[in-house]
């Protein structure tokens, strides 16, 4: 039984399957959106923005990098952002608060939030990652606030 070791390609087994070297980035997919979605719900609602990846190995990790433009309409509300894989929440980011200073005459406060999450999906089937968001109270909150850009980048990492 012969194995082929390659510093770049990884290990090739006699049945011609390959396992990449640990820590190697196998693929990167990304998506950008500038569509604003709003809600007053305290339960998570979809941002309508997602990206899919088909891992090459079931042992791979998926590094999710989310940069999202969020906002709120002058109510000092927290914007809660969750990361969903398929139809389930897999990570709750820290609530983000947008505060208004007294005397400010704007109708909406916006900010960009960057978050990362390392997922272990244990599959080689296509999987989709979607940010969901909600308000801490009945205030209006926004994802893709004022049509500013939000992005999701997925990196498959060999283990």
Protein backbone atom coordinates (compact mmCIF):
# COMPACT_ATOMS: atom_id res chain seq x y z
CA UNK A 1 0.00 0.00 0.00
CA UNK A 2 1.65 3.21 -1.18
CA UNK A 3 0.85 6.72 -0.06
CA UNK A 4 1.93 9.83 -1.91
CA UNK A 5 2.86 12.82 0.26
CA UNK A 6 2.93 16.26 -1.34
CA UNK A 7 3.49 19.49 0.60
CA UNK A 8 0.91 21.29 -1.54
CA UNK A 9 -1.64 18.64 -2.54
CA UNK A 10 -1.55 16.71 0.74
CA UNK A 11 -1.82 12.93 1.02
CA UNK A 12 -3.00 10.77 -1.88
CA UNK A 13 -4.21 7.31 -0.86
CA UNK A 14 -4.08 4.12 -2.99
CA UNK A 15 -7.78 4.55 -3.95
CA UNK A 16 -6.84 7.98 -5.45
CA UNK A 17 -8.61 10.03 -2.77
CA UNK A 18 -6.70 13.02 -1.48
CA UNK A 19 -6.64 14.66 1.91
CA UNK A 20 -5.25 18.18 1.96
CA UNK A 21 -2.52 19.29 4.34
CA UNK A 22 -3.91 20.63 7.61
CA UNK A 23 -4.43 24.38 7.67
CA UNK A 24 -4.53 24.74 3.90
CA UNK A 25 -7.27 26.94 2.43
CA UNK A 26 -9.09 24.69 -0.04
CA UNK A 27 -11.60 27.14 -1.47
CA UNK A 28 -13.04 30.59 -0.91
CA UNK A 29 -16.53 31.80 -1.86
CA UNK A 30 -17.94 35.23 -1.21
CA UNK A 31 -21.06 37.26 -1.83
CA UNK A 32 -21.89 40.94 -1.51
CA UNK A 33 -25.28 42.60 -1.09
CA UNK A 34 -26.45 46.19 -0.81
CA UNK A 35 -30.14 45.47 -0.22
CA UNK A 36 -31.72 46.91 2.92
CA UNK A 37 -34.08 44.72 4.96
CA UNK A 38 -35.87 45.95 8.08
CA UNK A 39 -37.77 44.41 10.96
CA UNK A 40 -39.34 45.28 14.31
CA UNK A 41 -39.43 41.60 15.30
CA UNK A 42 -37.69 40.36 18.42
CA UNK A 43 -37.53 36.92 16.76
CA UNK A 44 -34.85 36.34 14.10
CA UNK A 45 -35.78 37.13 10.49
CA UNK A 46 -33.70 36.40 7.43
CA UNK A 47 -31.56 39.14 5.95
CA UNK A 48 -32.37 37.66 2.53
CA UNK A 49 -28.64 37.38 1.91
CA UNK A 50 -26.74 34.09 1.87
CA UNK A 51 -23.82 32.22 0.33
CA UNK A 52 -23.31 28.48 -0.25
CA UNK A 53 -20.28 26.21 -0.27
CA UNK A 54 -19.75 22.52 -0.99
CA UNK A 55 -16.90 21.30 1.24
CA UNK A 56 -14.37 18.96 -0.39
CA UNK A 57 -13.88 16.98 2.83
CA UNK A 58 -16.26 16.15 5.67
CA UNK A 59 -13.47 16.94 8.15
CA UNK A 60 -12.99 20.50 6.86
CA UNK A 61 -13.73 23.59 8.90
CA UNK A 62 -15.55 26.55 7.36
CA UNK A 63 -14.35 29.99 8.41
CA UNK A 64 -17.24 32.44 8.05
CA UNK A 65 -16.36 36.14 7.82
CA UNK A 66 -19.41 38.41 8.00
CA UNK A 67 -19.27 42.16 7.44
CA UNK A 68 -22.72 43.62 7.78
CA UNK A 69 -24.16 47.09 7.65
CA UNK A 70 -26.76 47.42 10.38
CA UNK A 71 -28.79 50.30 11.70
CA UNK A 72 -31.70 51.40 13.81
CA UNK A 73 -34.28 54.15 13.65
CA UNK A 74 -33.56 56.43 16.59
CA UNK A 75 -34.74 54.07 19.32
CA UNK A 76 -31.41 53.07 20.89
CA UNK A 77 -32.25 49.47 20.03
CA UNK A 78 -29.87 46.57 20.00
CA UNK A 79 -29.52 44.75 16.69
CA UNK A 80 -29.12 41.03 17.28
CA UNK A 81 -27.35 39.16 14.47
CA UNK A 82 -27.31 35.37 14.18
CA UNK A 83 -25.56 33.08 11.71
CA UNK A 84 -27.70 30.28 10.32
CA UNK A 85 -26.52 27.18 8.49
CA UNK A 86 -29.37 25.74 6.47
CA UNK A 87 -32.48 26.15 8.61
CA UNK A 88 -30.80 26.35 12.03
CA UNK A 89 -29.09 29.03 14.06
CA UNK A 90 -25.47 28.06 14.77
CA UNK A 91 -24.07 31.22 16.34
CA UNK A 92 -25.38 34.36 18.08
CA UNK A 93 -23.14 37.38 17.69
CA UNK A 94 -23.02 39.91 20.51
CA UNK A 95 -25.91 42.38 20.32
CA UNK A 96 -24.83 45.65 18.75
CA UNK A 97 -26.17 48.94 20.02
CA UNK A 98 -26.46 52.09 17.93
CA UNK A 99 -26.84 55.17 20.11
CA UNK A 100 -28.14 58.61 19.18
CA UNK A 101 -26.65 61.68 20.79
CA UNK A 102 -29.09 64.27 22.10
CA UNK A 103 -29.84 66.89 19.50
CA UNK A 104 -28.89 64.68 16.56
CA UNK A 105 -31.21 65.26 13.61
CA UNK A 106 -30.85 62.07 11.61
CA UNK A 107 -33.54 59.52 10.90
CA UNK A 108 -31.35 56.41 11.09
CA UNK A 109 -28.05 55.43 12.67
CA UNK A 110 -25.88 52.94 10.77
CA UNK A 111 -22.69 51.06 11.46
CA UNK A 112 -20.69 48.18 9.98
CA UNK A 113 -20.05 45.14 12.13
CA UNK A 114 -17.46 42.46 11.35
CA UNK A 115 -17.73 39.00 12.89
CA UNK A 116 -16.05 35.64 12.31
CA UNK A 117 -17.10 32.11 13.17
CA UNK A 118 -15.33 28.77 12.65
CA UNK A 119 -17.86 26.07 11.78
CA UNK A 120 -17.53 22.28 11.63
CA UNK A 121 -20.36 21.21 9.30
CA UNK A 122 -19.11 17.57 8.86
CA UNK A 123 -20.52 17.23 5.35
CA UNK A 124 -19.55 17.25 1.70
CA UNK A 125 -23.03 18.40 0.65
CA UNK A 126 -23.79 21.98 -0.32
CA UNK A 127 -24.48 24.17 2.72
CA UNK A 128 -25.81 27.69 2.88
CA UNK A 129 -24.93 30.36 5.46
CA UNK A 130 -27.39 33.22 6.07
CA UNK A 131 -27.32 36.08 8.58
CA UNK A 132 -30.56 36.58 10.48
CA UNK A 133 -31.30 39.63 12.60
CA UNK A 134 -33.80 40.95 15.14
CA UNK A 135 -34.50 43.93 17.35
CA UNK A 136 -34.04 43.99 21.11
CA UNK A 137 -37.43 45.69 21.42
CA UNK A 138 -40.17 46.71 18.99
CA UNK A 139 -37.83 49.28 17.42
CA UNK A 140 -37.09 49.23 13.70
CA UNK A 141 -33.69 47.76 12.90
CA UNK A 142 -31.98 47.30 9.54
CA UNK A 143 -29.67 44.83 7.83
CA UNK A 144 -27.93 46.31 4.79
CA UNK A 145 -28.75 49.70 6.30
CA UNK A 146 -29.22 52.52 3.78
CA UNK A 147 -28.28 50.03 1.06
CA UNK A 148 -24.67 49.97 2.28
CA UNK A 149 -22.72 46.86 1.38
CA UNK A 150 -22.64 43.70 3.46
CA UNK A 151 -20.52 40.67 2.64
CA UNK A 152 -20.09 37.02 3.61
CA UNK A 153 -16.88 35.16 2.86
CA UNK A 154 -16.52 31.41 3.42
CA UNK A 155 -13.13 29.70 3.53
CA UNK A 156 -12.85 25.92 3.61
CA UNK A 157 -9.88 25.00 5.81
CA UNK A 158 -8.33 21.49 5.73
CA UNK A 159 -7.98 19.79 9.09
